[in-house]
Amino acid sequence: MIAWCVVFAGVAVMVLSALGAVTLPRVFDRLHLLAATTSLGVPLIGVGLMISQGWTESSAMIAVTVVVVAVGAPVMTAATGRLAAQHDGLVDEDSPS
């Protein structure tokens, strides 16, 4: 029962973040809001699934997936923000930062 409550909490975070992102006009605001899905939503769902499975091979694969998302998501968010800033002319395409 606790496992499914944790999964539900993760899904709720993701749904609320997505609904909030739909209402925001700028891509930078949406990126900031959707970062909650990868920093809180995905780990909650992963932990809930691991609790429900017990420690098995499948729960180890879930743990690896959660770690990959947690490590890769900030990089993808920064790259997407950089590309959007270049597209809007806020950052020169040749500048290093």
PDB file of N, CA and C in Angstrom:
ATOM      1  N   MET A   1       0.810  -1.191   0.000  1.00  0.00           N
ATOM      2  CA  MET A   1       0.000   0.000   0.000  1.00  0.00           C
ATOM      3  C   MET A   1       0.859   1.264   0.000  1.00  0.00           C
ATOM      4  N   ILE A   2       1.932   1.270   0.788  1.00  0.00           N
ATOM      5  CA  ILE A   2       2.816   2.437   0.835  1.00  0.00           C
ATOM      6  C   ILE A   2       3.461   2.659  -0.525  1.00  0.00           C
ATOM      7  N   ALA A   3       3.821   1.564  -1.189  1.00  0.00           N
ATOM      8  CA  ALA A   3       4.478   1.676  -2.487  1.00  0.00           C
ATOM      9  C   ALA A   3       3.587   2.404  -3.484  1.00  0.00           C
ATOM     10  N   TRP A   4       2.315   2.056  -3.508  1.00  0.00           N
ATOM     11  CA  TRP A   4       1.423   2.683  -4.480  1.00  0.00           C
ATOM     12  C   TRP A   4       1.110   4.122  -4.116  1.00  0.00           C
ATOM     13  N   CYS A   5       1.164   4.459  -2.836  1.00  0.00           N
ATOM     14  CA  CYS A   5       1.016   5.865  -2.438  1.00  0.00           C
ATOM     15  C   CYS A   5       2.201   6.692  -2.940  1.00  0.00           C
ATOM     16  N   VAL A   6       3.408   6.111  -2.858  1.00  0.00           N
ATOM     17  CA  VAL A   6       4.598   6.814  -3.354  1.00  0.00           C
ATOM     18  C   VAL A   6       4.531   6.964  -4.879  1.00  0.00           C
ATOM     19  N   VAL A   7       4.102   5.904  -5.562  1.00  0.00           N
ATOM     20  CA  VAL A   7       3.948   5.991  -7.020  1.00  0.00           C
ATOM     21  C   VAL A   7       2.907   7.047  -7.364  1.00  0.00           C
ATOM     22  N   PHE A   8       1.780   7.048  -6.660  1.00  0.00           N
ATOM     23  CA  PHE A   8       0.742   8.032  -6.922  1.00  0.00           C
ATOM     24  C   PHE A   8       1.249   9.448  -6.683  1.00  0.00           C
ATOM     25  N   ALA A   9       2.055   9.652  -5.634  1.00  0.00           N
ATOM     26  CA  ALA A   9       2.626  10.973  -5.368  1.00  0.00           C
ATOM     27  C   ALA A   9       3.521  11.414  -6.526  1.00  0.00           C
ATOM     28  N   GLY A  10       4.322  10.501  -7.059  1.00  0.00           N
ATOM     29  CA  GLY A  10       5.169  10.829  -8.206  1.00  0.00           C
ATOM     30  C   GLY A  10       4.360  11.166  -9.439  1.00  0.00           C
ATOM     31  N   VAL A  11       3.317  10.403  -9.685  1.00  0.00           N
ATOM     32  CA  VAL A  11       2.451  10.681 -10.838  1.00  0.00           C
ATOM     33  C   VAL A  11       1.744  12.017 -10.647  1.00  0.00           C
ATOM     34  N   ALA A  12       1.312  12.304  -9.425  1.00  0.00           N
ATOM     35  CA  ALA A  12       0.655  13.582  -9.156  1.00  0.00           C
ATOM     36  C   ALA A  12       1.596  14.756  -9.416  1.00  0.00           C
ATOM     37  N   VAL A  13       2.848  14.624  -9.001  1.00  0.00           N
ATOM     38  CA  VAL A  13       3.834  15.681  -9.269  1.00  0.00           C
ATOM     39  C   VAL A  13       3.988  15.888 -10.770  1.00  0.00           C
ATOM     40  N   MET A  14       4.066  14.804 -11.515  1.00  0.00           N
ATOM     41  CA  MET A  14       4.263  14.914 -12.957  1.00  0.00           C
ATOM     42  C   MET A  14       3.042  15.522 -13.643  1.00  0.00           C
ATOM     43  N   VAL A  15       1.847  15.108 -13.246  1.00  0.00           N
ATOM     44  CA  VAL A  15       0.627  15.644 -13.861  1.00  0.00           C
ATOM     45  C   VAL A  15       0.458  17.124 -13.526  1.00  0.00           C
ATOM     46  N   LEU A  16       0.669  17.489 -12.272  1.00  0.00           N
ATOM     47  CA  LEU A  16       0.535  18.895 -11.888  1.00  0.00           C
ATOM     48  C   LEU A  16       1.572  19.776 -12.577  1.00  0.00           C
ATOM     49  N   SER A  17       2.785  19.272 -12.722  1.00  0.00           N
ATOM     50  CA  SER A  17       3.818  20.033 -13.432  1.00  0.00           C
ATOM     51  C   SER A  17       3.461  20.203 -14.903  1.00  0.00           C
ATOM     52  N   ALA A  18       2.943  19.150 -15.507  1.00  0.00           N
ATOM     53  CA  ALA A  18       2.554  19.243 -16.917  1.00  0.00           C
ATOM     54  C   ALA A  18       1.389  20.200 -17.112  1.00  0.00           C
ATOM     55  N   LEU A  19       0.412  20.138 -16.213  1.00  0.00           N
ATOM     56  CA  LEU A  19      -0.723  21.066 -16.319  1.00  0.00           C
ATOM     57  C   LEU A  19      -0.278  22.509 -16.099  1.00  0.00           C
ATOM     58  N   GLY A  20       0.635  22.708 -15.164  1.00  0.00           N
ATOM     59  CA  GLY A  20       1.164  24.051 -14.954  1.00  0.00           C
ATOM     60  C   GLY A  20       1.968  24.547 -16.137  1.00  0.00           C
ATOM     61  N   ALA A  21       2.700  23.652 -16.780  1.00  0.00           N
ATOM     62  CA  ALA A  21       3.519  24.043 -17.928  1.00  0.00           C
ATOM     63  C   ALA A  21       2.663  24.460 -19.114  1.00  0.00           C
ATOM     64  N   VAL A  22       1.499  23.877 -19.232  1.00  0.00           N
ATOM     65  CA  VAL A  22       0.608  24.237 -20.338  1.00  0.00           C
ATOM     66  C   VAL A  22       0.157  25.685 -20.217  1.00  0.00           C
ATOM     67  N   THR A  23       0.038  26.181 -18.992  1.00  0.00           N
ATOM     68  CA  THR A  23      -0.473  27.535 -18.783  1.00  0.00           C
ATOM     69  C   THR A  23       0.596  28.614 -18.921  1.00  0.00           C
ATOM     70  N   LEU A  24       1.865  28.241 -18.899  1.00  0.00           N
ATOM     71  CA  LEU A  24       2.938  29.242 -18.941  1.00  0.00           C
ATOM     72  C   LEU A  24       3.277  29.626 -20.380  1.00  0.00           C
ATOM     73  N   PRO A  25       3.523  30.909 -20.628  1.00  0.00           N
ATOM     74  CA  PRO A  25       3.738  31.357 -22.005  1.00  0.00           C
ATOM     75  C   PRO A  25       5.158  31.155 -22.533  1.00  0.00           C
ATOM     76  N   ARG A  26       6.177  31.272 -21.686  1.00  0.00           N
ATOM     77  CA  ARG A  26       7.556  31.242 -22.176  1.00  0.00           C
ATOM     78  C   ARG A  26       8.188  29.877 -21.946  1.00  0.00           C
ATOM     79  N   VAL A  27       9.059  29.504 -22.862  1.00  0.00           N
ATOM     80  CA  VAL A  27       9.721  28.206 -22.783  1.00  0.00           C
ATOM     81  C   VAL A  27      10.619  28.110 -21.552  1.00  0.00           C
ATOM     82  N   PHE A  28      11.214  29.211 -21.139  1.00  0.00           N
ATOM     83  CA  PHE A  28      12.102  29.182 -19.981  1.00  0.00           C
ATOM     84  C   PHE A  28      11.315  28.897 -18.699  1.00  0.00           C
ATOM     85  N   ASP A  29      10.116  29.466 -18.593  1.00  0.00           N
ATOM     86  CA  ASP A  29       9.266  29.184 -17.435  1.00  0.00           C
ATOM     87  C   ASP A  29       8.820  27.728 -17.438  1.00  0.00           C
ATOM     88  N   ARG A  30       8.487  27.211 -18.603  1.00  0.00           N
ATOM     89  CA  ARG A  30       8.070  25.811 -18.700  1.00  0.00           C
ATOM     90  C   ARG A  30       9.210  24.868 -18.339  1.00  0.00           C
ATOM     91  N   LEU A  31      10.422  25.178 -18.791  1.00  0.00           N
ATOM     92  CA  LEU A  31      11.574  24.338 -18.443  1.00  0.00           C
ATOM     93  C   LEU A  31      11.804  24.320 -16.940  1.00  0.00           C
ATOM     94  N   HIS A  32      11.666  25.481 -16.323  1.00  0.00           N
ATOM     95  CA  HIS A  32      11.866  25.562 -14.880  1.00  0.00           C
ATOM     96  C   HIS A  32      10.822  24.724 -14.146  1.00  0.00           C
ATOM     97  N   LEU A  33       9.592  24.774 -14.585  1.00  0.00           N
ATOM     98  CA  LEU A  33       8.526  24.026 -13.927  1.00  0.00           C
ATOM     99  C   LEU A  33       8.647  22.524 -14.182  1.00  0.00           C
ATOM    100  N   LEU A  34       9.002  22.145 -15.378  1.00  0.00           N
ATOM    101  CA  LEU A  34       9.089  20.722 -15.696  1.00  0.00           C
ATOM    102  C   LEU A  34      10.318  20.042 -15.104  1.00  0.00           C
ATOM    103  N   ALA A  35      11.239  20.815 -14.570  1.00  0.00           N
ATOM    104  CA  ALA A  35      12.384  20.213 -13.881  1.00  0.00           C
ATOM    105  C   ALA A  35      11.931  19.436 -12.649  1.00  0.00           C
ATOM    106  N   ALA A  36      10.782  19.801 -12.102  1.00  0.00           N
ATOM    107  CA  ALA A  36      10.248  19.068 -10.944  1.00  0.00           C
ATOM    108  C   ALA A  36       9.890  17.630 -11.310  1.00  0.00           C
ATOM    109  N   THR A  37       9.535  17.398 -12.550  1.00  0.00           N
ATOM    110  CA  THR A  37       9.175  16.034 -12.942  1.00  0.00           C
ATOM    111  C   THR A  37      10.379  15.113 -12.895  1.00  0.00           C
ATOM    112  N   THR A  38      11.537  15.610 -13.286  1.00  0.00           N
ATOM    113  CA  THR A  38      12.719  14.756 -13.295  1.00  0.00           C
ATOM    114  C   THR A  38      13.428  14.721 -11.951  1.00  0.00           C
ATOM    115  N   SER A  39      13.279  15.776 -11.154  1.00  0.00           N
ATOM    116  CA  SER A  39      13.964  15.776  -9.870  1.00  0.00           C
ATOM    117  C   SER A  39      13.121  15.197  -8.746  1.00  0.00           C
ATOM    118  N   LEU A  40      11.807  15.170  -8.894  1.00  0.00           N
ATOM    119  CA  LEU A  40      10.954  14.653  -7.835  1.00  0.00           C
ATOM    120  C   LEU A  40      10.007  13.556  -8.328  1.00  0.00           C
ATOM    121  N   GLY A  41       9.387  13.764  -9.475  1.00  0.00           N
ATOM    122  CA  GLY A  41       8.403  12.805  -9.974  1.00  0.00           C
ATOM    123  C   GLY A  41       8.990  11.447 -10.328  1.00  0.00           C
ATOM    124  N   VAL A  42      10.028  11.438 -11.126  1.00  0.00           N
ATOM    125  CA  VAL A  42      10.642  10.173 -11.551  1.00  0.00           C
ATOM    126  C   VAL A  42      11.231   9.396 -10.370  1.00  0.00           C
ATOM    127  N   PRO A  43      11.984  10.035  -9.457  1.00  0.00           N
ATOM    128  CA  PRO A  43      12.474   9.261  -8.313  1.00  0.00           C
ATOM    129  C   PRO A  43      11.357   8.703  -7.429  1.00  0.00           C
ATOM    130  N   LEU A  44      10.283   9.458  -7.236  1.00  0.00           N
ATOM    131  CA  LEU A  44       9.179   8.935  -6.422  1.00  0.00           C
ATOM    132  C   LEU A  44       8.550   7.705  -7.074  1.00  0.00           C
ATOM    133  N   ILE A  45       8.327   7.779  -8.362  1.00  0.00           N
ATOM    134  CA  ILE A  45       7.754   6.628  -9.059  1.00  0.00           C
ATOM    135  C   ILE A  45       8.721   5.442  -9.002  1.00  0.00           C
ATOM    136  N   GLY A  46      10.005   5.695  -9.231  1.00  0.00           N
ATOM    137  CA  GLY A  46      10.995   4.624  -9.178  1.00  0.00           C
ATOM    138  C   GLY A  46      11.084   3.978  -7.809  1.00  0.00           C
ATOM    139  N   VAL A  47      11.095   4.784  -6.751  1.00  0.00           N
ATOM    140  CA  VAL A  47      11.171   4.237  -5.392  1.00  0.00           C
ATOM    141  C   VAL A  47       9.914   3.441  -5.075  1.00  0.00           C
ATOM    142  N   GLY A  48       8.759   3.956  -5.482  1.00  0.00           N
ATOM    143  CA  GLY A  48       7.521   3.221  -5.247  1.00  0.00           C
ATOM    144  C   GLY A  48       7.498   1.882  -5.952  1.00  0.00           C
ATOM    145  N   LEU A  49       7.965   1.856  -7.183  1.00  0.00           N
ATOM    146  CA  LEU A  49       8.021   0.589  -7.915  1.00  0.00           C
ATOM    147  C   LEU A  49       9.029  -0.378  -7.309  1.00  0.00           C
ATOM    148  N   MET A  50      10.161   0.157  -6.835  1.00  0.00           N
ATOM    149  CA  MET A  50      11.148  -0.716  -6.195  1.00  0.00           C
ATOM    150  C   MET A  50      10.623  -1.289  -4.886  1.00  0.00           C
ATOM    151  N   ILE A  51       9.854  -0.499  -4.134  1.00  0.00           N
ATOM    152  CA  ILE A  51       9.259  -1.010  -2.897  1.00  0.00           C
ATOM    153  C   ILE A  51       8.263  -2.118  -3.205  1.00  0.00           C
ATOM    154  N   SER A  52       7.462  -1.926  -4.242  1.00  0.00           N
ATOM    155  CA  SER A  52       6.446  -2.936  -4.570  1.00  0.00           C
ATOM    156  C   SER A  52       7.067  -4.220  -5.125  1.00  0.00           C
ATOM    157  N   GLN A  53       8.214  -4.108  -5.825  1.00  0.00           N
ATOM    158  CA  GLN A  53       8.869  -5.277  -6.408  1.00  0.00           C
ATOM    159  C   GLN A  53       9.732  -6.031  -5.411  1.00  0.00           C
ATOM    160  N   GLY A  54      10.194  -5.333  -4.377  1.00  0.00           N
ATOM    161  CA  GLY A  54      11.231  -5.922  -3.531  1.00  0.00           C
ATOM    162  C   GLY A  54      12.564  -5.763  -4.263  1.00  0.00           C
ATOM    163  N   TRP A  55      13.658  -6.216  -3.648  1.00  0.00           N
ATOM    164  CA  TRP A  55      14.952  -6.065  -4.315  1.00  0.00           C
ATOM    165  C   TRP A  55      15.165  -7.243  -5.260  1.00  0.00           C
ATOM    166  N   THR A  56      14.909  -7.015  -6.542  1.00  0.00           N
ATOM    167  CA  THR A  56      15.074  -8.021  -7.583  1.00  0.00           C
ATOM    168  C   THR A  56      15.865  -7.404  -8.720  1.00  0.00           C
ATOM    169  N   GLU A  57      16.043  -8.185  -9.761  1.00  0.00           N
ATOM    170  CA  GLU A  57      16.736  -7.671 -10.938  1.00  0.00           C
ATOM    171  C   GLU A  57      15.952  -6.523 -11.574  1.00  0.00           C
ATOM    172  N   SER A  58      14.641  -6.637 -11.593  1.00  0.00           N
ATOM    173  CA  SER A  58      13.837  -5.570 -12.194  1.00  0.00           C
ATOM    174  C   SER A  58      13.919  -4.282 -11.372  1.00  0.00           C
ATOM    175  N   SER A  59      13.985  -4.389 -10.049  1.00  0.00           N
ATOM    176  CA  SER A  59      14.107  -3.178  -9.245  1.00  0.00           C
ATOM    177  C   SER A  59      15.501  -2.557  -9.400  1.00  0.00           C
ATOM    178  N   ALA A  60      16.504  -3.371  -9.656  1.00  0.00           N
ATOM    179  CA  ALA A  60      17.836  -2.826  -9.940  1.00  0.00           C
ATOM    180  C   ALA A  60      17.827  -2.056 -11.261  1.00  0.00           C
ATOM    181  N   MET A  61      17.102  -2.578 -12.238  1.00  0.00           N
ATOM    182  CA  MET A  61      16.998  -1.874 -13.523  1.00  0.00           C
ATOM    183  C   MET A  61      16.215  -0.568 -13.361  1.00  0.00           C
ATOM    184  N   ILE A  62      15.200  -0.568 -12.503  1.00  0.00           N
ATOM    185  CA  ILE A  62      14.457   0.662 -12.223  1.00  0.00           C
ATOM    186  C   ILE A  62      15.385   1.680 -11.566  1.00  0.00           C
ATOM    187  N   ALA A  63      16.219   1.227 -10.632  1.00  0.00           N
ATOM    188  CA  ALA A  63      17.158   2.121  -9.954  1.00  0.00           C
ATOM    189  C   ALA A  63      18.145   2.729 -10.947  1.00  0.00           C
ATOM    190  N   VAL A  64      18.646   1.921 -11.867  1.00  0.00           N
ATOM    191  CA  VAL A  64      19.572   2.439 -12.882  1.00  0.00           C
ATOM    192  C   VAL A  64      18.875   3.469 -13.764  1.00  0.00           C
ATOM    193  N   THR A  65      17.637   3.193 -14.139  1.00  0.00           N
ATOM    194  CA  THR A  65      16.886   4.131 -14.972  1.00  0.00           C
ATOM    195  C   THR A  65      16.667   5.451 -14.246  1.00  0.00           C
ATOM    196  N   VAL A  66      16.321   5.388 -12.973  1.00  0.00           N
ATOM    197  CA  VAL A  66      16.111   6.612 -12.190  1.00  0.00           C
ATOM    198  C   VAL A  66      17.410   7.414 -12.096  1.00  0.00           C
ATOM    199  N   VAL A  67      18.525   6.738 -11.893  1.00  0.00           N
ATOM    200  CA  VAL A  67      19.815   7.434 -11.809  1.00  0.00           C
ATOM    201  C   VAL A  67      20.165   8.080 -13.146  1.00  0.00           C
ATOM    202  N   VAL A  68      19.953   7.373 -14.250  1.00  0.00           N
ATOM    203  CA  VAL A  68      20.253   7.934 -15.579  1.00  0.00           C
ATOM    204  C   VAL A  68      19.403   9.171 -15.839  1.00  0.00           C
ATOM    205  N   VAL A  69      18.128   9.113 -15.501  1.00  0.00           N
ATOM    206  CA  VAL A  69      17.255  10.273 -15.687  1.00  0.00           C
ATOM    207  C   VAL A  69      17.696  11.416 -14.783  1.00  0.00           C
ATOM    208  N   ALA A  70      18.022  11.118 -13.534  1.00  0.00           N
ATOM    209  CA  ALA A  70      18.433  12.161 -12.594  1.00  0.00           C
ATOM    210  C   ALA A  70      19.738  12.826 -13.015  1.00  0.00           C
ATOM    211  N   VAL A  71      20.629  12.084 -13.642  1.00  0.00           N
ATOM    212  CA  VAL A  71      21.908  12.655 -14.086  1.00  0.00           C
ATOM    213  C   VAL A  71      21.755  13.363 -15.436  1.00  0.00           C
ATOM    214  N   GLY A  72      20.977  12.787 -16.329  1.00  0.00           N
ATOM    215  CA  GLY A  72      20.858  13.346 -17.677  1.00  0.00           C
ATOM    216  C   GLY A  72      19.874  14.479 -17.830  1.00  0.00           C
ATOM    217  N   ALA A  73      18.881  14.556 -16.972  1.00  0.00           N
ATOM    218  CA  ALA A  73      17.830  15.571 -17.118  1.00  0.00           C
ATOM    219  C   ALA A  73      18.351  17.003 -16.972  1.00  0.00           C
ATOM    220  N   PRO A  74      19.206  17.316 -16.001  1.00  0.00           N
ATOM    221  CA  PRO A  74      19.705  18.695 -15.937  1.00  0.00           C
ATOM    222  C   PRO A  74      20.512  19.096 -17.173  1.00  0.00           C
ATOM    223  N   VAL A  75      21.229  18.157 -17.736  1.00  0.00           N
ATOM    224  CA  VAL A  75      21.999  18.445 -18.951  1.00  0.00           C
ATOM    225  C   VAL A  75      21.054  18.753 -20.112  1.00  0.00           C
ATOM    226  N   MET A  76      20.005  17.945 -20.244  1.00  0.00           N
ATOM    227  CA  MET A  76      19.037  18.175 -21.325  1.00  0.00           C
ATOM    228  C   MET A  76      18.271  19.483 -21.119  1.00  0.00           C
ATOM    229  N   THR A  77      17.966  19.811 -19.875  1.00  0.00           N
ATOM    230  CA  THR A  77      17.274  21.068 -19.591  1.00  0.00           C
ATOM    231  C   THR A  77      18.156  22.256 -19.940  1.00  0.00           C
ATOM    232  N   ALA A  78      19.423  22.194 -19.575  1.00  0.00           N
ATOM    233  CA  ALA A  78      20.346  23.279 -19.899  1.00  0.00           C
ATOM    234  C   ALA A  78      20.541  23.412 -21.401  1.00  0.00           C
ATOM    235  N   ALA A  79      20.651  22.286 -22.097  1.00  0.00           N
ATOM    236  CA  ALA A  79      20.823  22.334 -23.552  1.00  0.00           C
ATOM    237  C   ALA A  79      19.582  22.888 -24.238  1.00  0.00           C
ATOM    238  N   THR A  80      18.416  22.514 -23.758  1.00  0.00           N
ATOM    239  CA  THR A  80      17.179  23.024 -24.341  1.00  0.00           C
ATOM    240  C   THR A  80      17.033  24.515 -24.078  1.00  0.00           C
ATOM    241  N   GLY A  81      17.363  24.952 -22.872  1.00  0.00           N
ATOM    242  CA  GLY A  81      17.317  26.378 -22.558  1.00  0.00           C
ATOM    243  C   GLY A  81      18.302  27.173 -23.383  1.00  0.00           C
ATOM    244  N   ARG A  82      19.485  26.624 -23.574  1.00  0.00           N
ATOM    245  CA  ARG A  82      20.493  27.296 -24.398  1.00  0.00           C
ATOM    246  C   ARG A  82      20.025  27.434 -25.841  1.00  0.00           C
ATOM    247  N   LEU A  83      19.466  26.367 -26.381  1.00  0.00           N
ATOM    248  CA  LEU A  83      18.966  26.406 -27.757  1.00  0.00           C
ATOM    249  C   LEU A  83      17.823  27.398 -27.899  1.00  0.00           C
ATOM    250  N   ALA A  84      16.935  27.449 -26.917  1.00  0.00           N
ATOM    251  CA  ALA A  84      15.826  28.405 -26.962  1.00  0.00           C
ATOM    252  C   ALA A  84      16.350  29.834 -26.865  1.00  0.00           C
ATOM    253  N   ALA A  85      17.355  30.066 -26.031  1.00  0.00           N
ATOM    254  CA  ALA A  85      17.936  31.402 -25.912  1.00  0.00           C
ATOM    255  C   ALA A  85      18.631  31.813 -27.206  1.00  0.00           C
ATOM    256  N   GLN A  86      19.296  30.885 -27.874  1.00  0.00           N
ATOM    257  CA  GLN A  86      19.910  31.190 -29.162  1.00  0.00           C
ATOM    258  C   GLN A  86      18.842  31.488 -30.199  1.00  0.00           C
ATOM    259  N   HIS A  87      17.769  30.738 -30.181  1.00  0.00           N
ATOM    260  CA  HIS A  87      16.678  30.945 -31.148  1.00  0.00           C
ATOM    261  C   HIS A  87      16.020  32.309 -30.946  1.00  0.00           C
ATOM    262  N   ASP A  88      15.887  32.750 -29.692  1.00  0.00           N
ATOM    263  CA  ASP A  88      15.282  34.045 -29.397  1.00  0.00           C
ATOM    264  C   ASP A  88      16.259  35.210 -29.533  1.00  0.00           C
ATOM    265  N   GLY A  89      17.532  34.913 -29.817  1.00  0.00           N
ATOM    266  CA  GLY A  89      18.529  35.957 -29.977  1.00  0.00           C
ATOM    267  C   GLY A  89      19.068  36.493 -28.662  1.00  0.00           C
ATOM    268  N   LEU A  90      18.838  35.814 -27.572  1.00  0.00           N
ATOM    269  CA  LEU A  90      19.316  36.271 -26.270  1.00  0.00           C
ATOM    270  C   LEU A  90      20.783  35.908 -26.044  1.00  0.00           C
ATOM    271  N   VAL A  91      21.259  34.873 -26.731  1.00  0.00           N
ATOM    272  CA  VAL A  91      22.633  34.419 -26.603  1.00  0.00           C
ATOM    273  C   VAL A  91      23.197  34.250 -28.003  1.00  0.00           C
ATOM    274  N   ASP A  92      24.437  34.718 -28.184  1.00  0.00           N
ATOM    275  CA  ASP A  92      25.095  34.553 -29.474  1.00  0.00           C
ATOM    276  C   ASP A  92      25.430  33.078 -29.673  1.00  0.00           C
ATOM    277  N   GLU A  93      25.249  32.584 -30.880  1.00  0.00           N
ATOM    278  CA  GLU A  93      25.478  31.169 -31.164  1.00  0.00           C
ATOM    279  C   GLU A  93      26.925  30.756 -30.980  1.00  0.00           C
ATOM    280  N   ASP A  94      27.865  31.674 -31.155  1.00  0.00           N
ATOM    281  CA  ASP A  94      29.283  31.326 -31.044  1.00  0.00           C
ATOM    282  C   ASP A  94      29.850  31.525 -29.651  1.00  0.00           C
ATOM    283  N   SER A  95      29.081  32.105 -28.735  1.00  0.00           N
ATOM    284  CA  SER A  95      29.624  32.358 -27.407  1.00  0.00           C
ATOM    285  C   SER A  95      29.671  31.054 -26.592  1.00  0.00           C
ATOM    286  N   PRO A  96      30.699  30.893 -25.768  1.00  0.00           N
ATOM    287  CA  PRO A  96      30.835  29.645 -25.014  1.00  0.00           C
ATOM    288  C   PRO A  96      29.842  29.525 -23.864  1.00  0.00           C
ATOM    289  N   SER A  97      29.313  30.625 -23.361  1.00  0.00           N
ATOM    290  CA  SER A  97      28.383  30.510 -22.243  1.00  0.00           C
ATOM    291  C   SER A  97      27.241  31.480 -22.360  1.00  0.00           C
TER     292      SER A  97
END
